[in-house]
């Protein structure tokens, strides 16, 4: 950041520029993408299905309460967006980016037979997927594996979110939070 006329004053010469260099520090919970703040928050499967209220301690010390819209299921990778809770927008004293909270839904390791029975009674059936063709000697079935992306991969993915914004999508499902800051 350069401030003309605020630098060294020498006799008989015009004052120089004061140049301030800012370095952004990493944060354990948030990362910055342009003017937005991004946060990944883990929630239980129960909260994802039945409604979640998540409290977030903002960088400025306030506690924000995020409420998923009623009767909406939070799917893994869903984003909740709070306008005006991101970083200040350069050149504006009042506008700020968004706080984007991405939900990581934690699945239980196992279920009791009773829990399975209750879930089968209350959850709707999902239509069966079309049957896949049988594997032959020249066509083997695809194998899949689950992995967790590295922090750097997540940062790259988050950077691309805004580039997709023109199409109305942001790399995941986006909801508007019902709650606002408290405190």
Protein backbone atom coordinates (compact mmCIF):
# COMPACT_ATOMS: atom_id res chain seq x y z
CA UNK A 1 0.00 0.00 0.00
CA UNK A 2 1.58 3.28 -1.11
CA UNK A 3 0.84 6.63 0.53
CA UNK A 4 2.20 9.48 -1.65
CA UNK A 5 3.67 12.42 0.26
CA UNK A 6 3.87 10.50 3.54
CA UNK A 7 7.47 9.28 3.18
CA UNK A 8 10.80 10.83 4.18
CA UNK A 9 10.90 14.67 4.23
CA UNK A 10 14.26 16.06 3.04
CA UNK A 11 14.98 19.76 3.05
CA UNK A 12 14.31 21.25 -0.40
CA UNK A 13 12.76 18.04 -1.79
CA UNK A 14 9.23 16.76 -2.09
CA UNK A 15 8.25 14.09 0.43
CA UNK A 16 8.47 10.55 -0.88
CA UNK A 17 5.99 7.70 -0.70
CA UNK A 18 5.40 5.71 2.44
CA UNK A 19 5.15 2.09 1.33
CA UNK A 20 3.52 -0.40 3.67
CA UNK A 21 3.85 -4.11 2.88
CA UNK A 22 1.16 -6.38 4.33
CA UNK A 23 1.57 -10.12 4.61
CA UNK A 24 -1.43 -12.33 5.15
CA UNK A 25 -1.08 -14.94 7.88
CA UNK A 26 -2.60 -18.41 7.68
CA UNK A 27 -5.48 -19.07 10.07
CA UNK A 28 -6.32 -22.44 11.59
CA UNK A 29 -10.02 -22.29 10.62
CA UNK A 30 -10.54 -19.72 7.86
CA UNK A 31 -8.90 -19.10 4.54
CA UNK A 32 -9.37 -16.20 2.22
CA UNK A 33 -10.50 -16.31 -1.38
CA UNK A 34 -10.40 -12.80 -2.81
CA UNK A 35 -12.90 -10.90 -0.60
CA UNK A 36 -14.60 -14.01 0.80
CA UNK A 37 -13.78 -16.04 3.87
CA UNK A 38 -14.14 -19.82 3.59
CA UNK A 39 -14.63 -22.21 6.48
CA UNK A 40 -15.25 -25.97 6.52
CA UNK A 41 -17.43 -27.12 9.41
CA UNK A 42 -18.10 -30.73 10.39
CA UNK A 43 -21.65 -31.68 11.37
CA UNK A 44 -23.26 -34.97 12.28
CA UNK A 45 -25.54 -36.89 9.96
CA UNK A 46 -28.39 -36.27 12.44
CA UNK A 47 -27.85 -32.49 12.23
CA UNK A 48 -27.61 -32.69 8.43
CA UNK A 49 -30.99 -34.45 8.26
CA UNK A 50 -32.84 -32.77 11.13
CA UNK A 51 -31.51 -29.22 11.00
CA UNK A 52 -28.30 -27.73 12.20
CA UNK A 53 -27.52 -24.63 14.17
CA UNK A 54 -23.80 -23.92 13.92
CA UNK A 55 -21.95 -21.25 15.83
CA UNK A 56 -18.88 -19.70 14.22
CA UNK A 57 -16.43 -17.44 16.00
CA UNK A 58 -15.65 -14.78 13.40
CA UNK A 59 -12.20 -13.26 12.94
CA UNK A 60 -13.42 -10.05 14.59
CA UNK A 61 -14.46 -11.93 17.77
CA UNK A 62 -18.21 -11.97 17.16
CA UNK A 63 -20.12 -15.24 17.34
CA UNK A 64 -22.29 -15.88 14.30
CA UNK A 65 -25.15 -18.34 14.52
CA UNK A 66 -25.89 -20.15 11.26
CA UNK A 67 -29.22 -21.88 10.86
CA UNK A 68 -29.97 -24.08 7.90
CA UNK A 69 -33.34 -23.25 6.31
CA UNK A 70 -36.15 -25.31 7.87
CA UNK A 71 -37.02 -28.62 6.22
CA UNK A 72 -33.85 -28.60 4.11
CA UNK A 73 -31.32 -31.38 4.26
CA UNK A 74 -27.68 -30.35 4.34
CA UNK A 75 -25.90 -32.55 1.86
CA UNK A 76 -22.14 -33.08 2.02
CA UNK A 77 -20.45 -30.20 0.26
CA UNK A 78 -23.37 -27.80 0.75
CA UNK A 79 -22.37 -24.17 1.24
CA UNK A 80 -24.13 -21.67 3.46
CA UNK A 81 -23.40 -18.08 2.53
CA UNK A 82 -23.54 -15.01 4.76
CA UNK A 83 -23.31 -11.82 2.71
CA UNK A 84 -21.29 -9.00 4.21
CA UNK A 85 -19.37 -11.24 6.64
CA UNK A 86 -16.24 -11.71 4.52
CA UNK A 87 -13.22 -9.46 4.08
CA UNK A 88 -13.46 -5.73 3.33
CA UNK A 89 -13.71 -4.93 -0.37
CA UNK A 90 -10.87 -2.63 -1.47
CA UNK A 91 -12.05 0.89 -2.31
CA UNK A 92 -15.20 0.60 -0.21
CA UNK A 93 -15.55 1.50 3.44
CA UNK A 94 -18.83 -0.40 3.86
CA UNK A 95 -18.88 -3.40 1.50
CA UNK A 96 -17.53 -6.81 2.47
CA UNK A 97 -17.32 -10.21 0.81
CA UNK A 98 -19.17 -13.32 1.94
CA UNK A 99 -18.54 -15.90 4.62
CA UNK A 100 -18.86 -19.29 2.91
CA UNK A 101 -19.33 -22.24 5.23
CA UNK A 102 -18.90 -25.63 3.57
CA UNK A 103 -20.42 -28.54 5.48
CA UNK A 104 -18.58 -31.81 5.92
CA UNK A 105 -21.20 -34.35 7.02
CA UNK A 106 -19.73 -37.05 9.26
CA UNK A 107 -21.24 -40.49 8.81
CA UNK A 108 -21.58 -42.90 11.71
CA UNK A 109 -19.18 -45.84 11.75
CA UNK A 110 -21.98 -48.33 12.37
CA UNK A 111 -25.66 -48.55 13.28
CA UNK A 112 -27.50 -50.84 15.62
CA UNK A 113 -30.14 -53.15 14.12
CA UNK A 114 -32.81 -51.06 15.90
CA UNK A 115 -31.50 -47.83 14.32
CA UNK A 116 -31.46 -49.47 10.88
CA UNK A 117 -35.08 -50.56 11.36
CA UNK A 118 -36.19 -47.05 12.39
CA UNK A 119 -34.32 -45.43 9.49
CA UNK A 120 -35.88 -47.83 6.99
CA UNK A 121 -39.32 -46.89 8.33
CA UNK A 122 -38.87 -43.11 8.25
CA UNK A 123 -36.58 -42.47 5.27
CA UNK A 124 -38.00 -42.63 1.72
CA UNK A 125 -36.79 -45.23 -0.73
CA UNK A 126 -34.34 -44.09 -3.38
CA UNK A 127 -35.05 -45.43 -6.87
CA UNK A 128 -32.67 -48.23 -7.73
CA UNK A 129 -29.81 -47.38 -10.06
CA UNK A 130 -29.96 -48.98 -13.51
CA UNK A 131 -28.26 -52.36 -13.61
CA UNK A 132 -24.67 -52.19 -14.83
CA UNK A 133 -23.60 -54.55 -17.62
CA UNK A 134 -21.71 -57.64 -16.59
CA UNK A 135 -17.92 -57.49 -16.65
CA UNK A 136 -16.28 -59.42 -19.44
CA UNK A 137 -12.65 -60.35 -20.03
CA UNK A 138 -12.05 -57.11 -21.94
CA UNK A 139 -14.34 -54.93 -19.77
CA UNK A 140 -13.63 -54.91 -16.07
CA UNK A 141 -15.85 -53.02 -13.63
CA UNK A 142 -14.50 -49.67 -12.52
CA UNK A 143 -13.07 -49.50 -9.05
CA UNK A 144 -13.57 -46.46 -6.86
CA UNK A 145 -11.93 -45.21 -3.72
CA UNK A 146 -12.68 -42.43 -1.30
CA UNK A 147 -10.06 -39.92 -0.35
CA UNK A 148 -9.89 -36.62 1.44
CA UNK A 149 -8.35 -33.80 -0.61
CA UNK A 150 -5.33 -32.02 0.80
CA UNK A 151 -5.63 -28.47 2.14
CA UNK A 152 -3.95 -27.13 -1.00
CA UNK A 153 -6.41 -29.02 -3.22
CA UNK A 154 -9.29 -27.57 -1.20
CA UNK A 155 -7.85 -24.08 -1.64
CA UNK A 156 -7.63 -24.57 -5.41
CA UNK A 157 -11.21 -25.84 -5.49
CA UNK A 158 -12.40 -22.87 -3.47
CA UNK A 159 -10.59 -20.46 -5.82
CA UNK A 160 -12.57 -21.88 -8.71
CA UNK A 161 -15.90 -21.35 -6.95
CA UNK A 162 -16.13 -17.72 -7.92
CA UNK A 163 -15.24 -18.38 -11.53
CA UNK A 164 -18.35 -20.57 -11.79
CA UNK A 165 -20.50 -17.90 -10.13
CA UNK A 166 -21.45 -16.42 -13.52
CA UNK A 167 -23.45 -19.56 -14.23
CA UNK A 168 -25.29 -19.26 -10.92
CA UNK A 169 -23.36 -22.14 -9.39
CA UNK A 170 -20.58 -22.08 -6.86
CA UNK A 171 -19.09 -25.56 -6.98
CA UNK A 172 -21.63 -26.92 -4.53
CA UNK A 173 -25.12 -26.24 -3.33
CA UNK A 174 -25.46 -22.81 -1.81
CA UNK A 175 -28.02 -21.80 0.76
CA UNK A 176 -28.62 -18.50 2.49
CA UNK A 177 -28.28 -18.66 6.23
CA UNK A 178 -31.37 -17.77 8.23
CA UNK A 179 -29.41 -16.63 11.28
CA UNK A 180 -27.19 -13.61 11.69
CA UNK A 181 -24.56 -12.57 14.16
CA UNK A 182 -25.17 -12.37 17.84
CA UNK A 183 -22.91 -10.63 20.27
